Amino acid sequence: MSIITTILATLVALEHFYIFYLESMATQSDATSRVFNMDKEELARPSVSSLFKNQGIYNALLGVFLLYGIYFSQSLEIVTIFVLFVLGAATYGSLTADKKIILKQGGPAILTLLSVLLLK
């Protein structure tokens, strides 16, 4: 795996740990309100808070499995699978929630995938 792919995939993992933090630990914070473009009152609703915490776990697991693929198994296949998963989620999010998600969440994943394809 190239150093560029390693760096980009690590950034994707770190981005998902940040999303986990916002969704599961700082659910009602100003940062979460700003990032997800939601009122703090909406974030304080128990149903929204519960859903966010659930989504946060998925994002944390993405980060964990990406780091596993990068640093422990050093498996380009594992990294590619999870980067494609991120790209799929970002595509769905851009179609259903906010078009900017494809760049915000999907951008680093797209760059990582390009580095996988071009720098084998």
PDB file of N, CA and C in Angstrom:
ATOM      1  N   MET A   1       0.856  -1.164   0.000  1.00  0.00           N
ATOM      2  CA  MET A   1       0.000   0.000   0.000  1.00  0.00           C
ATOM      3  C   MET A   1       0.907   1.233   0.000  1.00  0.00           C
ATOM      4  N   SER A   2       0.609   2.193  -0.878  1.00  0.00           N
ATOM      5  CA  SER A   2       1.448   3.382  -0.975  1.00  0.00           C
ATOM      6  C   SER A   2       1.278   4.276   0.254  1.00  0.00           C
ATOM      7  N   ILE A   3       2.265   5.110   0.490  1.00  0.00           N
ATOM      8  CA  ILE A   3       2.207   6.043   1.631  1.00  0.00           C
ATOM      9  C   ILE A   3       1.057   7.033   1.439  1.00  0.00           C
ATOM     10  N   ILE A   4       0.791   7.415   0.203  1.00  0.00           N
ATOM     11  CA  ILE A   4      -0.314   8.350  -0.063  1.00  0.00           C
ATOM     12  C   ILE A   4      -1.648   7.701   0.278  1.00  0.00           C
ATOM     13  N   THR A   5      -1.824   6.445  -0.132  1.00  0.00           N
ATOM     14  CA  THR A   5      -3.052   5.720   0.208  1.00  0.00           C
ATOM     15  C   THR A   5      -3.178   5.580   1.720  1.00  0.00           C
ATOM     16  N   THR A   6      -2.084   5.272   2.384  1.00  0.00           N
ATOM     17  CA  THR A   6      -2.089   5.138   3.846  1.00  0.00           C
ATOM     18  C   THR A   6      -2.529   6.434   4.510  1.00  0.00           C
ATOM     19  N   ILE A   7      -1.988   7.548   4.070  1.00  0.00           N
ATOM     20  CA  ILE A   7      -2.333   8.848   4.650  1.00  0.00           C
ATOM     21  C   ILE A   7      -3.798   9.190   4.377  1.00  0.00           C
ATOM     22  N   LEU A   8      -4.225   9.023   3.127  1.00  0.00           N
ATOM     23  CA  LEU A   8      -5.610   9.369   2.776  1.00  0.00           C
ATOM     24  C   LEU A   8      -6.617   8.472   3.508  1.00  0.00           C
ATOM     25  N   ALA A   9      -6.341   7.180   3.572  1.00  0.00           N
ATOM     26  CA  ALA A   9      -7.252   6.267   4.271  1.00  0.00           C
ATOM     27  C   ALA A   9      -7.289   6.586   5.766  1.00  0.00           C
ATOM     28  N   THR A  10      -6.153   6.990   6.328  1.00  0.00           N
ATOM     29  CA  THR A  10      -6.114   7.389   7.735  1.00  0.00           C
ATOM     30  C   THR A  10      -6.976   8.625   7.953  1.00  0.00           C
ATOM     31  N   LEU A  11      -6.936   9.563   7.021  1.00  0.00           N
ATOM     32  CA  LEU A  11      -7.792  10.757   7.119  1.00  0.00           C
ATOM     33  C   LEU A  11      -9.272  10.384   7.061  1.00  0.00           C
ATOM     34  N   VAL A  12      -9.619   9.419   6.222  1.00  0.00           N
ATOM     35  CA  VAL A  12     -11.010   8.954   6.159  1.00  0.00           C
ATOM     36  C   VAL A  12     -11.408   8.370   7.517  1.00  0.00           C
ATOM     37  N   ALA A  13     -10.534   7.553   8.099  1.00  0.00           N
ATOM     38  CA  ALA A  13     -10.825   6.962   9.417  1.00  0.00           C
ATOM     39  C   ALA A  13     -10.993   8.052  10.467  1.00  0.00           C
ATOM     40  N   LEU A  14     -10.092   9.021  10.488  1.00  0.00           N
ATOM     41  CA  LEU A  14     -10.170  10.104  11.474  1.00  0.00           C
ATOM     42  C   LEU A  14     -11.439  10.930  11.293  1.00  0.00           C
ATOM     43  N   GLU A  15     -11.837  11.149  10.047  1.00  0.00           N
ATOM     44  CA  GLU A  15     -13.081  11.869   9.776  1.00  0.00           C
ATOM     45  C   GLU A  15     -14.268  11.125  10.399  1.00  0.00           C
ATOM     46  N   HIS A  16     -14.252   9.809  10.312  1.00  0.00           N
ATOM     47  CA  HIS A  16     -15.364   9.035  10.865  1.00  0.00           C
ATOM     48  C   HIS A  16     -15.328   8.969  12.390  1.00  0.00           C
ATOM     49  N   PHE A  17     -14.151   9.051  12.965  1.00  0.00           N
ATOM     50  CA  PHE A  17     -14.084   9.169  14.430  1.00  0.00           C
ATOM     51  C   PHE A  17     -14.641  10.521  14.872  1.00  0.00           C
ATOM     52  N   TYR A  18     -14.399  11.566  14.085  1.00  0.00           N
ATOM     53  CA  TYR A  18     -14.954  12.888  14.398  1.00  0.00           C
ATOM     54  C   TYR A  18     -16.483  12.865  14.281  1.00  0.00           C
ATOM     55  N   ILE A  19     -16.994  12.224  13.222  1.00  0.00           N
ATOM     56  CA  ILE A  19     -18.441  12.112  13.079  1.00  0.00           C
ATOM     57  C   ILE A  19     -19.015  11.324  14.260  1.00  0.00           C
ATOM     58  N   PHE A  20     -18.332  10.251  14.671  1.00  0.00           N
ATOM     59  CA  PHE A  20     -18.751   9.486  15.851  1.00  0.00           C
ATOM     60  C   PHE A  20     -18.823  10.394  17.074  1.00  0.00           C
ATOM     61  N   TYR A  21     -17.797  11.200  17.273  1.00  0.00           N
ATOM     62  CA  TYR A  21     -17.761  12.113  18.412  1.00  0.00           C
ATOM     63  C   TYR A  21     -18.972  13.051  18.386  1.00  0.00           C
ATOM     64  N   LEU A  22     -19.226  13.654  17.228  1.00  0.00           N
ATOM     65  CA  LEU A  22     -20.355  14.577  17.118  1.00  0.00           C
ATOM     66  C   LEU A  22     -21.688  13.873  17.377  1.00  0.00           C
ATOM     67  N   GLU A  23     -21.845  12.684  16.806  1.00  0.00           N
ATOM     68  CA  GLU A  23     -23.130  12.001  16.890  1.00  0.00           C
ATOM     69  C   GLU A  23     -23.351  11.309  18.232  1.00  0.00           C
ATOM     70  N   SER A  24     -22.308  10.786  18.837  1.00  0.00           N
ATOM     71  CA  SER A  24     -22.491   9.959  20.035  1.00  0.00           C
ATOM     72  C   SER A  24     -22.076  10.615  21.337  1.00  0.00           C
ATOM     73  N   MET A  25     -21.199  11.586  21.282  1.00  0.00           N
ATOM     74  CA  MET A  25     -20.702  12.183  22.516  1.00  0.00           C
ATOM     75  C   MET A  25     -21.087  13.656  22.661  1.00  0.00           C
ATOM     76  N   ALA A  26     -21.113  14.370  21.560  1.00  0.00           N
ATOM     77  CA  ALA A  26     -21.430  15.800  21.592  1.00  0.00           C
ATOM     78  C   ALA A  26     -22.737  16.049  20.842  1.00  0.00           C
ATOM     79  N   THR A  27     -23.691  15.192  21.072  1.00  0.00           N
ATOM     80  CA  THR A  27     -24.929  15.181  20.295  1.00  0.00           C
ATOM     81  C   THR A  27     -25.635  16.536  20.275  1.00  0.00           C
ATOM     82  N   GLN A  28     -25.626  17.255  21.379  1.00  0.00           N
ATOM     83  CA  GLN A  28     -26.366  18.509  21.455  1.00  0.00           C
ATOM     84  C   GLN A  28     -25.463  19.744  21.427  1.00  0.00           C
ATOM     85  N   SER A  29     -24.253  19.591  20.923  1.00  0.00           N
ATOM     86  CA  SER A  29     -23.295  20.699  20.929  1.00  0.00           C
ATOM     87  C   SER A  29     -23.541  21.675  19.778  1.00  0.00           C
ATOM     88  N   ASP A  30     -22.907  22.838  19.891  1.00  0.00           N
ATOM     89  CA  ASP A  30     -22.962  23.828  18.816  1.00  0.00           C
ATOM     90  C   ASP A  30     -22.335  23.267  17.541  1.00  0.00           C
ATOM     91  N   ALA A  31     -21.232  22.520  17.700  1.00  0.00           N
ATOM     92  CA  ALA A  31     -20.555  21.957  16.531  1.00  0.00           C
ATOM     93  C   ALA A  31     -21.457  20.968  15.804  1.00  0.00           C
ATOM     94  N   THR A  32     -22.141  20.111  16.540  1.00  0.00           N
ATOM     95  CA  THR A  32     -23.045  19.138  15.927  1.00  0.00           C
ATOM     96  C   THR A  32     -24.195  19.858  15.231  1.00  0.00           C
ATOM     97  N   SER A  33     -24.722  20.880  15.869  1.00  0.00           N
ATOM     98  CA  SER A  33     -25.790  21.677  15.278  1.00  0.00           C
ATOM     99  C   SER A  33     -25.328  22.293  13.958  1.00  0.00           C
ATOM    100  N   ARG A  34     -24.123  22.823  13.948  1.00  0.00           N
ATOM    101  CA  ARG A  34     -23.571  23.465  12.756  1.00  0.00           C
ATOM    102  C   ARG A  34     -23.281  22.437  11.657  1.00  0.00           C
ATOM    103  N   VAL A  35     -22.596  21.349  11.994  1.00  0.00           N
ATOM    104  CA  VAL A  35     -22.191  20.353  11.001  1.00  0.00           C
ATOM    105  C   VAL A  35     -23.397  19.701  10.335  1.00  0.00           C
ATOM    106  N   PHE A  36     -24.409  19.371  11.126  1.00  0.00           N
ATOM    107  CA  PHE A  36     -25.574  18.681  10.589  1.00  0.00           C
ATOM    108  C   PHE A  36     -26.718  19.628  10.239  1.00  0.00           C
ATOM    109  N   ASN A  37     -26.471  20.936  10.419  1.00  0.00           N
ATOM    110  CA  ASN A  37     -27.456  21.962  10.071  1.00  0.00           C
ATOM    111  C   ASN A  37     -28.819  21.671  10.724  1.00  0.00           C
ATOM    112  N   MET A  38     -28.755  21.443  12.047  1.00  0.00           N
ATOM    113  CA  MET A  38     -29.965  21.145  12.818  1.00  0.00           C
ATOM    114  C   MET A  38     -30.015  22.043  14.043  1.00  0.00           C
ATOM    115  N   ASP A  39     -31.209  22.449  14.417  1.00  0.00           N
ATOM    116  CA  ASP A  39     -31.373  23.237  15.632  1.00  0.00           C
ATOM    117  C   ASP A  39     -31.020  22.389  16.846  1.00  0.00           C
ATOM    118  N   LYS A  40     -30.466  23.040  17.869  1.00  0.00           N
ATOM    119  CA  LYS A  40     -30.114  22.324  19.091  1.00  0.00           C
ATOM    120  C   LYS A  40     -31.355  21.737  19.763  1.00  0.00           C
ATOM    121  N   GLU A  41     -32.490  22.395  19.589  1.00  0.00           N
ATOM    122  CA  GLU A  41     -33.728  21.866  20.154  1.00  0.00           C
ATOM    123  C   GLU A  41     -34.078  20.524  19.516  1.00  0.00           C
ATOM    124  N   GLU A  42     -33.875  20.434  18.217  1.00  0.00           N
ATOM    125  CA  GLU A  42     -34.132  19.171  17.509  1.00  0.00           C
ATOM    126  C   GLU A  42     -33.153  18.094  17.976  1.00  0.00           C
ATOM    127  N   LEU A  43     -31.908  18.464  18.151  1.00  0.00           N
ATOM    128  CA  LEU A  43     -30.896  17.507  18.614  1.00  0.00           C
ATOM    129  C   LEU A  43     -31.181  17.021  20.031  1.00  0.00           C
ATOM    130  N   ALA A  44     -31.895  17.832  20.810  1.00  0.00           N
ATOM    131  CA  ALA A  44     -32.203  17.465  22.199  1.00  0.00           C
ATOM    132  C   ALA A  44     -33.360  16.471  22.299  1.00  0.00           C
ATOM    133  N   ARG A  45     -34.114  16.297  21.232  1.00  0.00           N
ATOM    134  CA  ARG A  45     -35.218  15.319  21.268  1.00  0.00           C
ATOM    135  C   ARG A  45     -34.652  13.929  21.507  1.00  0.00           C
ATOM    136  N   PRO A  46     -35.219  13.176  22.433  1.00  0.00           N
ATOM    137  CA  PRO A  46     -34.701  11.835  22.741  1.00  0.00           C
ATOM    138  C   PRO A  46     -34.618  10.914  21.526  1.00  0.00           C
ATOM    139  N   SER A  47     -35.601  10.979  20.640  1.00  0.00           N
ATOM    140  CA  SER A  47     -35.575  10.097  19.468  1.00  0.00           C
ATOM    141  C   SER A  47     -34.411  10.454  18.538  1.00  0.00           C
ATOM    142  N   VAL A  48     -34.151  11.736  18.354  1.00  0.00           N
ATOM    143  CA  VAL A  48     -33.051  12.174  17.497  1.00  0.00           C
ATOM    144  C   VAL A  48     -31.723  11.804  18.147  1.00  0.00           C
ATOM    145  N   SER A  49     -31.610  12.063  19.441  1.00  0.00           N
ATOM    146  CA  SER A  49     -30.388  11.733  20.167  1.00  0.00           C
ATOM    147  C   SER A  49     -30.075  10.241  20.071  1.00  0.00           C
ATOM    148  N   SER A  50     -31.093   9.419  20.227  1.00  0.00           N
ATOM    149  CA  SER A  50     -30.916   7.969  20.145  1.00  0.00           C
ATOM    150  C   SER A  50     -30.470   7.544  18.748  1.00  0.00           C
ATOM    151  N   LEU A  51     -31.091   8.100  17.728  1.00  0.00           N
ATOM    152  CA  LEU A  51     -30.703   7.776  16.356  1.00  0.00           C
ATOM    153  C   LEU A  51     -29.274   8.225  16.060  1.00  0.00           C
ATOM    154  N   PHE A  52     -28.915   9.412  16.514  1.00  0.00           N
ATOM    155  CA  PHE A  52     -27.559   9.918  16.302  1.00  0.00           C
ATOM    156  C   PHE A  52     -26.530   9.005  16.952  1.00  0.00           C
ATOM    157  N   LYS A  53     -26.795   8.603  18.180  1.00  0.00           N
ATOM    158  CA  LYS A  53     -25.850   7.730  18.892  1.00  0.00           C
ATOM    159  C   LYS A  53     -25.673   6.408  18.148  1.00  0.00           C
ATOM    160  N   ASN A  54     -26.748   5.876  17.598  1.00  0.00           N
ATOM    161  CA  ASN A  54     -26.671   4.650  16.821  1.00  0.00           C
ATOM    162  C   ASN A  54     -25.818   4.863  15.569  1.00  0.00           C
ATOM    163  N   GLN A  55     -26.075   5.926  14.845  1.00  0.00           N
ATOM    164  CA  GLN A  55     -25.284   6.244  13.655  1.00  0.00           C
ATOM    165  C   GLN A  55     -23.818   6.447  14.016  1.00  0.00           C
ATOM    166  N   GLY A  56     -23.582   7.043  15.157  1.00  0.00           N
ATOM    167  CA  GLY A  56     -22.208   7.295  15.584  1.00  0.00           C
ATOM    168  C   GLY A  56     -21.411   6.018  15.729  1.00  0.00           C
ATOM    169  N   ILE A  57     -22.039   4.972  16.244  1.00  0.00           N
ATOM    170  CA  ILE A  57     -21.345   3.694  16.397  1.00  0.00           C
ATOM    171  C   ILE A  57     -20.919   3.151  15.037  1.00  0.00           C
ATOM    172  N   TYR A  58     -21.774   3.270  14.046  1.00  0.00           N
ATOM    173  CA  TYR A  58     -21.414   2.827  12.699  1.00  0.00           C
ATOM    174  C   TYR A  58     -20.192   3.589  12.187  1.00  0.00           C
ATOM    175  N   ASN A  59     -20.170   4.887  12.420  1.00  0.00           N
ATOM    176  CA  ASN A  59     -19.035   5.685  11.972  1.00  0.00           C
ATOM    177  C   ASN A  59     -17.757   5.309  12.711  1.00  0.00           C
ATOM    178  N   ALA A  60     -17.865   5.052  14.005  1.00  0.00           N
ATOM    179  CA  ALA A  60     -16.684   4.621  14.767  1.00  0.00           C
ATOM    180  C   ALA A  60     -16.168   3.286  14.240  1.00  0.00           C
ATOM    181  N   LEU A  61     -17.068   2.368  13.950  1.00  0.00           N
ATOM    182  CA  LEU A  61     -16.641   1.067  13.427  1.00  0.00           C
ATOM    183  C   LEU A  61     -15.985   1.194  12.062  1.00  0.00           C
ATOM    184  N   LEU A  62     -16.478   2.099  11.229  1.00  0.00           N
ATOM    185  CA  LEU A  62     -15.796   2.361   9.954  1.00  0.00           C
ATOM    186  C   LEU A  62     -14.352   2.789  10.204  1.00  0.00           C
ATOM    187  N   GLY A  63     -14.183   3.703  11.140  1.00  0.00           N
ATOM    188  CA  GLY A  63     -12.837   4.164  11.471  1.00  0.00           C
ATOM    189  C   GLY A  63     -11.966   3.039  11.994  1.00  0.00           C
ATOM    190  N   VAL A  64     -12.493   2.227  12.878  1.00  0.00           N
ATOM    191  CA  VAL A  64     -11.731   1.107  13.463  1.00  0.00           C
ATOM    192  C   VAL A  64     -11.298   0.127  12.377  1.00  0.00           C
ATOM    193  N   PHE A  65     -12.242  -0.275  11.517  1.00  0.00           N
ATOM    194  CA  PHE A  65     -11.901  -1.270  10.502  1.00  0.00           C
ATOM    195  C   PHE A  65     -10.972  -0.706   9.431  1.00  0.00           C
ATOM    196  N   LEU A  66     -11.081   0.578   9.140  1.00  0.00           N
ATOM    197  CA  LEU A  66     -10.110   1.192   8.226  1.00  0.00           C
ATOM    198  C   LEU A  66      -8.712   1.171   8.836  1.00  0.00           C
ATOM    199  N   LEU A  67      -8.609   1.565  10.100  1.00  0.00           N
ATOM    200  CA  LEU A  67      -7.294   1.541  10.753  1.00  0.00           C
ATOM    201  C   LEU A  67      -6.750   0.121  10.840  1.00  0.00           C
ATOM    202  N   TYR A  68      -7.626  -0.848  11.091  1.00  0.00           N
ATOM    203  CA  TYR A  68      -7.197  -2.250  11.104  1.00  0.00           C
ATOM    204  C   TYR A  68      -6.616  -2.631   9.739  1.00  0.00           C
ATOM    205  N   GLY A  69      -7.335  -2.297   8.678  1.00  0.00           N
ATOM    206  CA  GLY A  69      -6.864  -2.632   7.332  1.00  0.00           C
ATOM    207  C   GLY A  69      -5.566  -1.936   6.972  1.00  0.00           C
ATOM    208  N   ILE A  70      -5.409  -0.717   7.441  1.00  0.00           N
ATOM    209  CA  ILE A  70      -4.211   0.063   7.103  1.00  0.00           C
ATOM    210  C   ILE A  70      -2.996  -0.415   7.896  1.00  0.00           C
ATOM    211  N   TYR A  71      -3.143  -0.484   9.207  1.00  0.00           N
ATOM    212  CA  TYR A  71      -1.968  -0.641  10.065  1.00  0.00           C
ATOM    213  C   TYR A  71      -1.743  -2.043  10.628  1.00  0.00           C
ATOM    214  N   PHE A  72      -2.780  -2.853  10.753  1.00  0.00           N
ATOM    215  CA  PHE A  72      -2.596  -4.165  11.375  1.00  0.00           C
ATOM    216  C   PHE A  72      -2.533  -5.283  10.342  1.00  0.00           C
ATOM    217  N   SER A  73      -3.499  -5.332   9.443  1.00  0.00           N
ATOM    218  CA  SER A  73      -3.455  -6.385   8.429  1.00  0.00           C
ATOM    219  C   SER A  73      -2.723  -5.906   7.176  1.00  0.00           C
ATOM    220  N   GLN A  74      -2.570  -4.596   7.057  1.00  0.00           N
ATOM    221  CA  GLN A  74      -1.970  -3.977   5.875  1.00  0.00           C
ATOM    222  C   GLN A  74      -2.591  -4.539   4.601  1.00  0.00           C
ATOM    223  N   SER A  75      -3.926  -4.611   4.615  1.00  0.00           N
ATOM    224  CA  SER A  75      -4.686  -5.198   3.522  1.00  0.00           C
ATOM    225  C   SER A  75      -5.321  -4.120   2.656  1.00  0.00           C
ATOM    226  N   LEU A  76      -4.843  -4.012   1.454  1.00  0.00           N
ATOM    227  CA  LEU A  76      -5.416  -3.059   0.513  1.00  0.00           C
ATOM    228  C   LEU A  76      -6.870  -3.430   0.201  1.00  0.00           C
ATOM    229  N   GLU A  77      -7.164  -4.720   0.221  1.00  0.00           N
ATOM    230  CA  GLU A  77      -8.529  -5.177  -0.040  1.00  0.00           C
ATOM    231  C   GLU A  77      -9.497  -4.680   1.048  1.00  0.00           C
ATOM    232  N   ILE A  78      -9.119  -4.800   2.314  1.00  0.00           N
ATOM    233  CA  ILE A  78      -9.969  -4.330   3.411  1.00  0.00           C
ATOM    234  C   ILE A  78     -10.151  -2.821   3.322  1.00  0.00           C
ATOM    235  N   VAL A  79      -9.071  -2.111   3.080  1.00  0.00           N
ATOM    236  CA  VAL A  79      -9.150  -0.650   2.963  1.00  0.00           C
ATOM    237  C   VAL A  79     -10.079  -0.267   1.818  1.00  0.00           C
ATOM    238  N   THR A  80      -9.939  -0.929   0.692  1.00  0.00           N
ATOM    239  CA  THR A  80     -10.784  -0.619  -0.464  1.00  0.00           C
ATOM    240  C   THR A  80     -12.257  -0.879  -0.166  1.00  0.00           C
ATOM    241  N   ILE A  81     -12.549  -1.996   0.484  1.00  0.00           N
ATOM    242  CA  ILE A  81     -13.942  -2.326   0.815  1.00  0.00           C
ATOM    243  C   ILE A  81     -14.555  -1.244   1.694  1.00  0.00           C
ATOM    244  N   PHE A  82     -13.828  -0.807   2.728  1.00  0.00           N
ATOM    245  CA  PHE A  82     -14.408   0.185   3.639  1.00  0.00           C
ATOM    246  C   PHE A  82     -14.447   1.580   3.026  1.00  0.00           C
ATOM    247  N   VAL A  83     -13.507   1.897   2.150  1.00  0.00           N
ATOM    248  CA  VAL A  83     -13.571   3.180   1.444  1.00  0.00           C
ATOM    249  C   VAL A  83     -14.770   3.182   0.495  1.00  0.00           C
ATOM    250  N   LEU A  84     -15.028   2.060  -0.154  1.00  0.00           N
ATOM    251  CA  LEU A  84     -16.214   1.962  -1.012  1.00  0.00           C
ATOM    252  C   LEU A  84     -17.498   2.069  -0.193  1.00  0.00           C
ATOM    253  N   PHE A  85     -17.488   1.506   0.997  1.00  0.00           N
ATOM    254  CA  PHE A  85     -18.636   1.617   1.883  1.00  0.00           C
ATOM    255  C   PHE A  85     -18.888   3.091   2.228  1.00  0.00           C
ATOM    256  N   VAL A  86     -17.824   3.821   2.561  1.00  0.00           N
ATOM    257  CA  VAL A  86     -17.949   5.254   2.862  1.00  0.00           C
ATOM    258  C   VAL A  86     -18.479   5.998   1.645  1.00  0.00           C
ATOM    259  N   LEU A  87     -17.951   5.683   0.492  1.00  0.00           N
ATOM    260  CA  LEU A  87     -18.393   6.346  -0.732  1.00  0.00           C
ATOM    261  C   LEU A  87     -19.865   6.053  -1.019  1.00  0.00           C
ATOM    262  N   GLY A  88     -20.295   4.824  -0.780  1.00  0.00           N
ATOM    263  CA  GLY A  88     -21.707   4.485  -0.950  1.00  0.00           C
ATOM    264  C   GLY A  88     -22.596   5.260   0.000  1.00  0.00           C
ATOM    265  N   ALA A  89     -22.177   5.356   1.259  1.00  0.00           N
ATOM    266  CA  ALA A  89     -22.952   6.104   2.252  1.00  0.00           C
ATOM    267  C   ALA A  89     -22.997   7.596   1.897  1.00  0.00           C
ATOM    268  N   ALA A  90     -21.873   8.133   1.439  1.00  0.00           N
ATOM    269  CA  ALA A  90     -21.825   9.552   1.063  1.00  0.00           C
ATOM    270  C   ALA A  90     -22.701   9.824  -0.157  1.00  0.00           C
ATOM    271  N   THR A  91     -22.711   8.900  -1.097  1.00  0.00           N
ATOM    272  CA  THR A  91     -23.562   9.054  -2.282  1.00  0.00           C
ATOM    273  C   THR A  91     -25.027   9.042  -1.874  1.00  0.00           C
ATOM    274  N   TYR A  92     -25.406   8.088  -1.042  1.00  0.00           N
ATOM    275  CA  TYR A  92     -26.792   8.013  -0.577  1.00  0.00           C
ATOM    276  C   TYR A  92     -27.165   9.281   0.199  1.00  0.00           C
ATOM    277  N   GLY A  93     -26.276   9.729   1.071  1.00  0.00           N
ATOM    278  CA  GLY A  93     -26.522  10.953   1.836  1.00  0.00           C
ATOM    279  C   GLY A  93     -26.673  12.167   0.952  1.00  0.00           C
ATOM    280  N   SER A  94     -25.886  12.236  -0.112  1.00  0.00           N
ATOM    281  CA  SER A  94     -25.981  13.395  -1.010  1.00  0.00           C
ATOM    282  C   SER A  94     -27.284  13.374  -1.810  1.00  0.00           C
ATOM    283  N   LEU A  95     -27.815  12.182  -2.043  1.00  0.00           N
ATOM    284  CA  LEU A  95     -29.080  12.071  -2.779  1.00  0.00           C
ATOM    285  C   LEU A  95     -30.296  12.298  -1.893  1.00  0.00           C
ATOM    286  N   THR A  96     -30.171  11.987  -0.604  1.00  0.00           N
ATOM    287  CA  THR A  96     -31.334  12.029   0.278  1.00  0.00           C
ATOM    288  C   THR A  96     -31.316  13.157   1.308  1.00  0.00           C
ATOM    289  N   ALA A  97     -30.144  13.673   1.651  1.00  0.00           N
ATOM    290  CA  ALA A  97     -30.077  14.661   2.730  1.00  0.00           C
ATOM    291  C   ALA A  97     -29.493  15.995   2.271  1.00  0.00           C
ATOM    292  N   ASP A  98     -28.236  15.991   1.846  1.00  0.00           N
ATOM    293  CA  ASP A  98     -27.548  17.234   1.501  1.00  0.00           C
ATOM    294  C   ASP A  98     -26.519  16.930   0.420  1.00  0.00           C
ATOM    295  N   LYS A  99     -26.618  17.612  -0.708  1.00  0.00           N
ATOM    296  CA  LYS A  99     -25.719  17.350  -1.833  1.00  0.00           C
ATOM    297  C   LYS A  99     -24.243  17.522  -1.466  1.00  0.00           C
ATOM    298  N   LYS A 100     -23.946  18.347  -0.477  1.00  0.00           N
ATOM    299  CA  LYS A 100     -22.554  18.611  -0.085  1.00  0.00           C
ATOM    300  C   LYS A 100     -21.884  17.405   0.573  1.00  0.00           C
ATOM    301  N   ILE A 101     -22.679  16.429   1.019  1.00  0.00           N
ATOM    302  CA  ILE A 101     -22.114  15.259   1.690  1.00  0.00           C
ATOM    303  C   ILE A 101     -21.153  14.516   0.770  1.00  0.00           C
ATOM    304  N   ILE A 102     -21.436  14.500  -0.530  1.00  0.00           N
ATOM    305  CA  ILE A 102     -20.560  13.784  -1.456  1.00  0.00           C
ATOM    306  C   ILE A 102     -19.148  14.357  -1.433  1.00  0.00           C
ATOM    307  N   LEU A 103     -19.027  15.647  -1.168  1.00  0.00           N
ATOM    308  CA  LEU A 103     -17.694  16.258  -1.076  1.00  0.00           C
ATOM    309  C   LEU A 103     -17.139  16.205   0.337  1.00  0.00           C
ATOM    310  N   LYS A 104     -17.981  16.496   1.317  1.00  0.00           N
ATOM    311  CA  LYS A 104     -17.511  16.540   2.706  1.00  0.00           C
ATOM    312  C   LYS A 104     -17.106  15.162   3.215  1.00  0.00           C
ATOM    313  N   GLN A 105     -17.996  14.194   3.081  1.00  0.00           N
ATOM    314  CA  GLN A 105     -17.706  12.852   3.573  1.00  0.00           C
ATOM    315  C   GLN A 105     -17.083  11.994   2.478  1.00  0.00           C
ATOM    316  N   GLY A 106     -17.547  12.168   1.252  1.00  0.00           N
ATOM    317  CA  GLY A 106     -17.063  11.335   0.161  1.00  0.00           C
ATOM    318  C   GLY A 106     -15.762  11.789  -0.460  1.00  0.00           C
ATOM    319  N   GLY A 107     -15.437  13.071  -0.338  1.00  0.00           N
ATOM    320  CA  GLY A 107     -14.211  13.592  -0.964  1.00  0.00           C
ATOM    321  C   GLY A 107     -12.948  12.844  -0.566  1.00  0.00           C
ATOM    322  N   PRO A 108     -12.671  12.744   0.742  1.00  0.00           N
ATOM    323  CA  PRO A 108     -11.469  11.988   1.142  1.00  0.00           C
ATOM    324  C   PRO A 108     -11.527  10.523   0.707  1.00  0.00           C
ATOM    325  N   ALA A 109     -12.711   9.931   0.707  1.00  0.00           N
ATOM    326  CA  ALA A 109     -12.850   8.536   0.269  1.00  0.00           C
ATOM    327  C   ALA A 109     -12.583   8.412  -1.234  1.00  0.00           C
ATOM    328  N   ILE A 110     -13.063   9.382  -2.013  1.00  0.00           N
ATOM    329  CA  ILE A 110     -12.807   9.373  -3.461  1.00  0.00           C
ATOM    330  C   ILE A 110     -11.312   9.484  -3.726  1.00  0.00           C
ATOM    331  N   LEU A 111     -10.645  10.401  -3.033  1.00  0.00           N
ATOM    332  CA  LEU A 111      -9.194  10.544  -3.211  1.00  0.00           C
ATOM    333  C   LEU A 111      -8.456   9.268  -2.819  1.00  0.00           C
ATOM    334  N   THR A 112      -8.908   8.641  -1.739  1.00  0.00           N
ATOM    335  CA  THR A 112      -8.289   7.390  -1.311  1.00  0.00           C
ATOM    336  C   THR A 112      -8.483   6.309  -2.370  1.00  0.00           C
ATOM    337  N   LEU A 113      -9.691   6.199  -2.884  1.00  0.00           N
ATOM    338  CA  LEU A 113      -9.964   5.195  -3.900  1.00  0.00           C
ATOM    339  C   LEU A 113      -9.134   5.452  -5.163  1.00  0.00           C
ATOM    340  N   LEU A 114      -9.015   6.690  -5.560  1.00  0.00           N
ATOM    341  CA  LEU A 114      -8.163   7.026  -6.708  1.00  0.00           C
ATOM    342  C   LEU A 114      -6.718   6.630  -6.458  1.00  0.00           C
ATOM    343  N   SER A 115      -6.233   6.862  -5.242  1.00  0.00           N
ATOM    344  CA  SER A 115      -4.852   6.481  -4.946  1.00  0.00           C
ATOM    345  C   SER A 115      -4.688   4.959  -4.965  1.00  0.00           C
ATOM    346  N   VAL A 116      -5.719   4.229  -4.529  1.00  0.00           N
ATOM    347  CA  VAL A 116      -5.670   2.766  -4.590  1.00  0.00           C
ATOM    348  C   VAL A 116      -5.583   2.309  -6.046  1.00  0.00           C
ATOM    349  N   LEU A 117      -6.391   2.911  -6.895  1.00  0.00           N
ATOM    350  CA  LEU A 117      -6.446   2.502  -8.293  1.00  0.00           C
ATOM    351  C   LEU A 117      -5.201   2.915  -9.074  1.00  0.00           C
ATOM    352  N   LEU A 118      -4.656   4.072  -8.756  1.00  0.00           N
ATOM    353  CA  LEU A 118      -3.538   4.605  -9.551  1.00  0.00           C
ATOM    354  C   LEU A 118      -2.160   4.270  -9.000  1.00  0.00           C
ATOM    355  N   LEU A 119      -2.067   3.954  -7.719  1.00  0.00           N
ATOM    356  CA  LEU A 119      -0.749   3.764  -7.090  1.00  0.00           C
ATOM    357  C   LEU A 119      -0.536   2.340  -6.577  1.00  0.00           C
ATOM    358  N   LYS A 120      -1.111   1.366  -7.219  1.00  0.00           N
ATOM    359  CA  LYS A 120      -0.987  -0.024  -6.760  1.00  0.00           C
ATOM    360  C   LYS A 120       0.450  -0.444  -6.612  1.00  0.00           C
TER     361      LYS A 120
END
